[in-house]
Amino acid sequence: MPNLIRPVDRQLLAPFLDYCSRYGARHDESFVPGAGFEPGTNEPAHVLLDEAGTVCGASALLLGASWGRSGRGRFSIIHAGGDEGGTIHDYRSLVAAAARSAEGCVAELYLFLPETAAASVEALESLGFARERIVYGMEAPIDGALVATPPQGWRLDPVAADDAHAIGEFATVRNRNFKEVLGAHDASTEDVLEMLRSDTALPGGLLLLRDRNGTAHGTLFLDRDDDEGVLFVGAVTVDREVRGQGLGRFLVRSALTFGAERGFTKAFLSVNALNRSALSLYEGEGFVQERAMVCLAASVDALASLG
């Protein structure tokens, strides 16, 4: 008897979350559904049930906020088969059901899988997903002795949640620099506000790099990672016309100094594998590759037609 696909309702929520807790982090732990998760239009979820009614697969999407505005939804989990691993048919059922729930909301769906999850990558590629890019997750120990010194004429200013102008500046500078990053999409002022107000936000963790005239030329975002004692480092950007002055290194060292002052013991960031200049900068500041993740993407229309 073939496995059955079902949307997650109140009755299936607990076994769905149990499956997520056991298998979600094996692929991508970034947004795995957990306590407080409620499936809905912006986060549709499905389970695969075996003939005994036991959950043997799960999928969930992120379609709201920045994902919806960008037109690209993200899988927060896609996993089948438990410890044994799922068949292509199992993944087909989960992917098609997820895609149908995304119709009219976004045009594409994407996800990240470890390079080591070769069987899952192969299964999804056989269903029409294409490799978009490789992203490295990198870690560095935080040394309390490090002090970040700004190049002459430059400063790093925190952005307050009630400073609408600075929030707009952050979005503008971040977006124009992320144009160079494959797969990145623009952040709105609403997205920046969500960063400031999230449960993991750190006071003073959203920053603008300014020149002596107060003009913003770079960004930095520091957040509390899911792992205890780990600082997440993101949105490390510097405008092209002011590069070559040590500003990128100053941002990275500022992040590590910020973490040391608040008791963090490790820093984590992600970087596109093709961004050789950024990789060289991070490696020079003590970051080492911890994992390699494959980004897979496909159109909603193509995936919905699988079912």
Foldseek 3Di string as FASTA:
>chain_A
DAWDKDKDDPVCVVLQQVLQVQPLVQWPQQQRDHPPDDADLQKTKMFIADPVRHTFWIWIKGQDAPCQVQLEIEISGGFGGRPVGDDLVSSLVRLLVRLVSCPPRHFKYKYKGFPVPVVVVVSVVVLPWDWQFKKFKKKFWQDLVFDQDDDPQKDKFFDDLPPLVVLQLLQVLLQVQCVPPGPDDGHDSVNSSCQCPPPFADVSQWIFMAGNVRRGFAIWGWTHDPDPLEIEIDRGGGHPVPPPRCSSLSRVSVNSNVSSVVRRTMYIYMDTPPPVVVVVSVVVVGMDTPTMMTMIMDTSVSSNVSD
